[in-house]
Amino acid sequence: MRAVGRPLRAVFVLLPLLAACAPSPDNAVPDGALPQAMQGNSSSAERRLAITHRYTLRVPSAETEAIQQKHMAECAKLGCSILSTSIDRSNEGRINARASVRIKPESFDAFAAVLTAPPAQVTMHAQSVEDIAVPILDAERRLDAKIVLRDRLSGMLRDQTVKTAADLITIEKELAQAQSDIEAITAQRDALRTRTDTIRVEISYVGAASLVGGADFTPIYQAIRTINQTAVNSVSWLISLVAAIVPWLPVIALVWWAVRLGMRRWKSRRLSG
């Protein structure tokens, strides 16, 4: 038993080194040849580019929420994924909104046409591109290495060679760790591929107040709406002021009486003198 256990322990030490030496995947590009490969194959480069579009739209404030819902409905029809939406009504008289989606490249032009259709006005459109070819290739290489390691450990576990209980426990532990690493790397690779297979679109809706004769009367409207609240705040401040002064009235009266008494005595002494 000890003669079998020692070689197994030596194998455990060599397995990580053997896995690291596993061949690269067929679609991997050598590090030095990556720029040349990307220049020579534009379609491959596009699949490894994470593209983001950012739009800022000026819309009628009263229609902000309806326009956002319309855009999200059209987005769903085009097969996109809605990541997040929000509505901000904190600014009285102006409603703002935000949305974030992912859409397939072939559907982007149709969705962009929906976004820029009236009554929306595009005030800003920015595009950014991030090359994530290296992280994807790195994830694929690490995944292949972990799969090789898992297969070798599985073969050792199926081997009928006599093993000690400690050897079996070690093999199962390493196998479980390898499987966990495979699942984590697979999730990371799939997330990276999602970024390259779809386009991220960030949309900001800026509610514009309606103009009368070219003037924005929103401040006057806000002031009229807050008259009642302003009056209530004024009364509350007055009550607070009275509540703060009342406890000091006896002291103020006593000081006033003392001052008047002192003035009278001083005047009487001056007249008698």
Protein backbone atom coordinates (compact mmCIF):
# COMPACT_ATOMS: atom_id res chain seq x y z
CA MET A 1 0.00 0.00 0.00
CA ARG A 2 2.77 2.47 0.84
CA ALA A 3 4.55 1.60 -2.41
CA VAL A 4 1.43 2.59 -4.35
CA GLY A 5 0.71 5.71 -2.31
CA ARG A 6 4.08 7.32 -2.91
CA PRO A 7 3.84 7.33 -6.73
CA LEU A 8 0.31 8.73 -6.47
CA ARG A 9 1.52 11.63 -4.35
CA ALA A 10 4.20 12.32 -6.97
CA VAL A 11 1.52 12.33 -9.67
CA PHE A 12 -0.54 14.89 -7.68
CA VAL A 13 2.48 17.18 -7.64
CA LEU A 14 3.02 16.84 -11.40
CA LEU A 15 -0.66 17.14 -12.47
CA PRO A 16 -0.86 20.96 -12.26
CA LEU A 17 2.36 21.22 -14.27
CA LEU A 18 1.04 18.81 -16.90
CA ALA A 19 -2.27 20.70 -17.10
CA ALA A 20 -0.46 23.98 -17.58
CA CYS A 21 1.39 22.44 -20.49
CA ALA A 22 -1.85 21.41 -22.21
CA PRO A 23 -2.09 22.49 -25.88
CA SER A 24 -3.77 25.76 -26.67
CA PRO A 25 -7.26 25.67 -28.24
CA ASP A 26 -7.40 25.55 -32.01
CA ASN A 27 -8.91 29.07 -32.27
CA ALA A 28 -6.28 30.64 -29.97
CA VAL A 29 -3.83 33.09 -31.51
CA PRO A 30 -0.21 33.34 -30.28
CA ASP A 31 0.42 36.44 -28.23
CA GLY A 32 2.86 37.91 -30.72
CA ALA A 33 0.56 37.22 -33.67
CA LEU A 34 -2.62 38.68 -32.15
CA PRO A 35 -2.40 42.15 -33.78
CA GLN A 36 -1.60 40.64 -37.19
CA ALA A 37 -4.46 38.17 -36.87
CA MET A 38 -6.90 40.91 -35.92
CA GLN A 39 -5.75 43.06 -38.85
CA GLY A 40 -6.03 40.18 -41.30
CA ASN A 41 -9.46 39.02 -40.14
CA SER A 42 -11.84 41.91 -39.45
CA SER A 43 -14.83 39.63 -38.70
CA SER A 44 -12.87 37.86 -35.96
CA ALA A 45 -11.89 41.22 -34.50
CA GLU A 46 -15.52 42.36 -34.44
CA ARG A 47 -16.53 39.29 -32.46
CA ARG A 48 -13.98 40.24 -29.83
CA LEU A 49 -14.89 43.93 -29.54
CA ALA A 50 -17.20 45.16 -26.77
CA ILE A 51 -19.16 48.08 -28.26
CA THR A 52 -21.13 50.60 -26.20
CA HIS A 53 -23.40 53.38 -27.48
CA ARG A 54 -24.53 56.23 -25.22
CA TYR A 55 -27.48 58.44 -26.14
CA THR A 56 -28.82 61.55 -24.45
CA LEU A 57 -32.34 62.38 -25.63
CA ARG A 58 -34.29 65.58 -24.98
CA VAL A 59 -37.99 64.74 -24.72
CA PRO A 60 -41.11 66.60 -23.53
CA SER A 61 -41.08 66.27 -19.77
CA ALA A 62 -44.72 65.17 -19.56
CA GLU A 63 -44.05 62.36 -22.07
CA THR A 64 -40.74 61.09 -20.66
CA GLU A 65 -42.11 57.94 -19.05
CA ALA A 66 -44.36 57.08 -22.01
CA ILE A 67 -41.48 57.50 -24.48
CA GLN A 68 -39.20 55.33 -22.36
CA GLN A 69 -41.85 52.59 -22.18
CA LYS A 70 -42.34 52.77 -25.95
CA HIS A 71 -38.60 52.39 -26.54
CA MET A 72 -38.38 49.43 -24.18
CA ALA A 73 -41.35 47.75 -25.90
CA GLU A 74 -39.69 48.16 -29.30
CA CYS A 75 -36.44 46.89 -27.80
CA ALA A 76 -38.18 43.73 -26.58
CA LYS A 77 -39.67 43.17 -30.04
CA LEU A 78 -36.16 43.31 -31.52
CA GLY A 79 -35.01 40.63 -29.07
CA CYS A 80 -32.84 42.76 -26.83
CA SER A 81 -32.22 42.33 -23.11
CA ILE A 82 -33.29 45.18 -20.79
CA LEU A 83 -30.66 45.53 -18.07
CA SER A 84 -32.11 48.43 -16.08
CA THR A 85 -34.59 51.33 -16.20
CA SER A 86 -35.25 54.24 -13.85
CA ILE A 87 -37.46 57.33 -13.55
CA ASP A 88 -36.41 60.48 -11.65
CA ARG A 89 -39.16 62.89 -10.57
CA SER A 90 -37.13 64.70 -7.91
CA ASN A 91 -36.83 67.86 -10.04
CA GLU A 92 -40.28 69.45 -9.94
CA GLY A 93 -41.62 70.04 -13.43
CA ARG A 94 -38.87 68.04 -15.16
CA ILE A 95 -38.91 64.24 -15.37
CA ASN A 96 -35.70 62.44 -16.26
CA ALA A 97 -35.16 58.75 -16.98
CA ARG A 98 -32.43 56.24 -17.75
CA ALA A 99 -32.30 52.84 -19.46
CA SER A 100 -29.63 50.28 -20.25
CA VAL A 101 -30.08 47.44 -22.77
CA ARG A 102 -28.12 44.88 -24.77
CA ILE A 103 -29.08 44.23 -28.37
CA LYS A 104 -27.79 42.08 -31.23
CA PRO A 105 -25.65 43.94 -33.80
CA GLU A 106 -28.06 43.17 -36.65
CA SER A 107 -30.93 44.83 -34.71
CA PHE A 108 -29.04 47.90 -33.56
CA ASP A 109 -29.79 50.12 -36.57
CA ALA A 110 -33.53 49.50 -36.22
CA PHE A 111 -33.41 50.30 -32.49
CA ALA A 112 -31.33 53.45 -33.12
CA ALA A 113 -33.99 54.63 -35.59
CA VAL A 114 -36.65 54.16 -32.89
CA LEU A 115 -34.60 56.14 -30.36
CA THR A 116 -34.01 59.09 -32.67
CA ALA A 117 -37.59 59.33 -33.95
CA PRO A 118 -39.60 62.46 -32.95
CA PRO A 119 -40.48 63.82 -30.47
CA ALA A 120 -37.08 62.76 -29.10
CA GLN A 121 -34.10 64.95 -29.99
CA VAL A 122 -30.59 63.53 -29.80
CA THR A 123 -28.37 65.96 -27.87
CA MET A 124 -25.45 63.55 -27.46
CA HIS A 125 -24.36 60.26 -29.05
CA ALA A 126 -21.07 58.64 -28.10
CA GLN A 127 -19.58 55.28 -29.05
CA SER A 128 -16.81 53.41 -27.25
CA VAL A 129 -15.05 50.17 -28.22
CA GLU A 130 -13.03 47.90 -25.92
CA ASP A 131 -10.93 45.06 -27.27
CA ILE A 132 -11.35 42.03 -24.97
CA ALA A 133 -9.73 39.44 -27.27
CA VAL A 134 -6.92 38.76 -24.80
CA PRO A 135 -9.21 38.07 -21.78
CA ILE A 136 -11.34 35.73 -23.89
CA LEU A 137 -8.32 33.79 -25.17
CA ASP A 138 -6.89 33.63 -21.66
CA ALA A 139 -10.17 32.24 -20.30
CA GLU A 140 -10.32 29.63 -23.06
CA ARG A 141 -6.75 28.49 -22.38
CA ARG A 142 -7.33 28.22 -18.65
CA LEU A 143 -10.59 26.35 -19.29
CA ASP A 144 -8.87 23.81 -21.56
CA ALA A 145 -6.12 23.29 -18.99
CA LYS A 146 -8.66 22.68 -16.21
CA ILE A 147 -10.63 20.25 -18.40
CA VAL A 148 -7.43 18.25 -19.06
CA LEU A 149 -6.73 18.19 -15.33
CA ARG A 150 -10.27 17.06 -14.54
CA ASP A 151 -10.14 14.26 -17.11
CA ARG A 152 -6.83 12.98 -15.75
CA LEU A 153 -8.12 13.03 -12.19
CA SER A 154 -11.28 11.21 -13.29
CA GLY A 155 -9.12 8.56 -14.97
CA MET A 156 -7.09 8.11 -11.81
CA LEU A 157 -10.28 7.74 -9.79
CA ARG A 158 -11.58 5.04 -12.16
CA ASP A 159 -8.25 3.22 -12.14
CA GLN A 160 -8.52 -0.12 -10.31
CA THR A 161 -5.02 0.20 -8.89
CA VAL A 162 -4.97 -0.26 -5.13
CA LYS A 163 -5.11 3.13 -3.41
CA THR A 164 -5.12 4.21 0.20
CA ALA A 165 -8.06 6.06 1.71
CA ALA A 166 -5.91 9.20 1.87
CA ASP A 167 -5.15 8.92 -1.86
CA LEU A 168 -8.85 8.60 -2.74
CA ILE A 169 -9.73 11.60 -0.59
CA THR A 170 -6.99 13.67 -2.22
CA ILE A 171 -8.11 12.70 -5.74
CA GLU A 172 -11.76 13.54 -5.00
CA LYS A 173 -10.77 16.85 -3.42
CA GLU A 174 -8.65 17.85 -6.42
CA LEU A 175 -11.40 16.71 -8.81
CA ALA A 176 -14.03 18.81 -7.01
CA GLN A 177 -11.73 21.84 -7.08
CA ALA A 178 -11.06 21.37 -10.80
CA GLN A 179 -14.80 21.13 -11.55
CA SER A 180 -15.46 24.29 -9.52
CA ASP A 181 -12.73 26.13 -11.42
CA ILE A 182 -14.18 24.94 -14.75
CA GLU A 183 -17.63 26.29 -13.87
CA ALA A 184 -16.20 29.66 -12.73
CA ILE A 185 -14.04 30.09 -15.84
CA THR A 186 -16.92 29.02 -18.11
CA ALA A 187 -19.15 31.70 -16.56
CA GLN A 188 -16.41 34.30 -17.00
CA ARG A 189 -15.88 33.30 -20.65
CA ASP A 190 -19.61 33.37 -21.40
CA ALA A 191 -19.92 36.84 -19.84
CA LEU A 192 -17.08 38.11 -22.02
CA ARG A 193 -18.64 36.56 -25.12
CA THR A 194 -21.95 38.25 -24.27
CA ARG A 195 -20.17 41.61 -24.34
CA THR A 196 -18.81 40.90 -27.83
CA ASP A 197 -21.92 39.21 -29.25
CA THR A 198 -24.21 42.11 -28.28
CA ILE A 199 -24.08 45.91 -28.23
CA ARG A 200 -24.70 47.77 -24.99
CA VAL A 201 -26.88 50.88 -25.30
CA GLU A 202 -27.09 53.45 -22.48
CA ILE A 203 -29.97 55.93 -22.82
CA SER A 204 -30.52 59.12 -20.81
CA TYR A 205 -33.87 60.88 -21.16
CA VAL A 206 -33.81 64.59 -20.25
CA GLY A 207 -37.27 66.03 -19.74
CA ALA A 208 -37.63 69.47 -21.33
CA ALA A 209 -40.18 71.92 -19.98
CA SER A 210 -42.75 73.22 -22.47
CA LEU A 211 -42.06 76.80 -23.61
CA VAL A 212 -44.58 79.62 -23.98
CA GLY A 213 -43.41 82.30 -26.36
CA GLY A 214 -39.90 80.91 -26.09
CA ALA A 215 -39.85 81.34 -22.29
CA ASP A 216 -39.72 78.65 -19.61
CA PHE A 217 -42.40 79.40 -16.99
CA THR A 218 -41.51 76.40 -14.85
CA PRO A 219 -40.04 78.50 -11.97
CA ILE A 220 -43.30 80.51 -11.72
CA TYR A 221 -45.34 77.31 -11.84
CA GLN A 222 -43.19 75.80 -9.10
CA ALA A 223 -43.53 78.94 -6.96
CA ILE A 224 -47.34 78.92 -7.28
CA ARG A 225 -47.48 75.24 -6.35
CA THR A 226 -45.36 75.85 -3.25
CA ILE A 227 -47.34 78.86 -1.87
CA ASN A 228 -49.20 76.75 0.67
CA GLN A 229 -46.05 74.98 1.77
CA THR A 230 -44.20 78.28 2.08
CA ALA A 231 -46.98 79.69 4.30
CA VAL A 232 -46.91 76.58 6.51
CA ASN A 233 -43.12 76.82 6.82
CA SER A 234 -43.39 80.50 7.84
CA VAL A 235 -45.94 79.73 10.56
CA SER A 236 -43.78 76.88 11.86
CA TRP A 237 -40.76 79.21 12.05
CA LEU A 238 -42.85 81.79 13.96
CA ILE A 239 -44.05 79.16 16.44
CA SER A 240 -40.46 78.00 16.94
CA LEU A 241 -39.34 81.59 17.55
CA VAL A 242 -42.10 82.21 20.14
CA ALA A 243 -41.35 78.90 21.85
CA ALA A 244 -37.70 79.90 22.10
CA ILE A 245 -38.41 83.42 23.49
CA VAL A 246 -41.21 82.68 26.02
CA PRO A 247 -38.99 80.94 28.64
CA TRP A 248 -36.72 84.01 28.66
CA LEU A 249 -39.49 86.62 29.14
CA PRO A 250 -39.23 86.69 33.01
CA VAL A 251 -35.48 87.14 32.80
CA ILE A 252 -35.86 89.90 30.20
CA ALA A 253 -38.50 91.66 32.36
CA LEU A 254 -36.28 91.42 35.45
CA VAL A 255 -33.29 92.87 33.61
CA TRP A 256 -35.46 95.66 32.18
CA TRP A 257 -36.84 96.50 35.66
CA ALA A 258 -33.32 96.55 37.15
CA VAL A 259 -32.03 98.83 34.40
CA ARG A 260 -34.93 101.30 34.84
CA LEU A 261 -34.50 101.29 38.61
CA GLY A 262 -30.79 102.01 38.26
CA MET A 263 -31.44 104.84 35.82
CA ARG A 264 -33.97 106.48 38.17
CA ARG A 265 -31.59 106.39 41.14
CA TRP A 266 -28.78 107.78 39.04
CA LYS A 267 -30.98 110.66 37.82
CA SER A 268 -32.20 111.44 41.36
CA ARG A 269 -28.64 111.58 42.72
CA ARG A 270 -27.60 113.84 39.90
CA LEU A 271 -30.49 116.27 40.55
CA SER A 272 -29.86 116.35 44.30
CA GLY A 273 -26.18 116.99 43.73
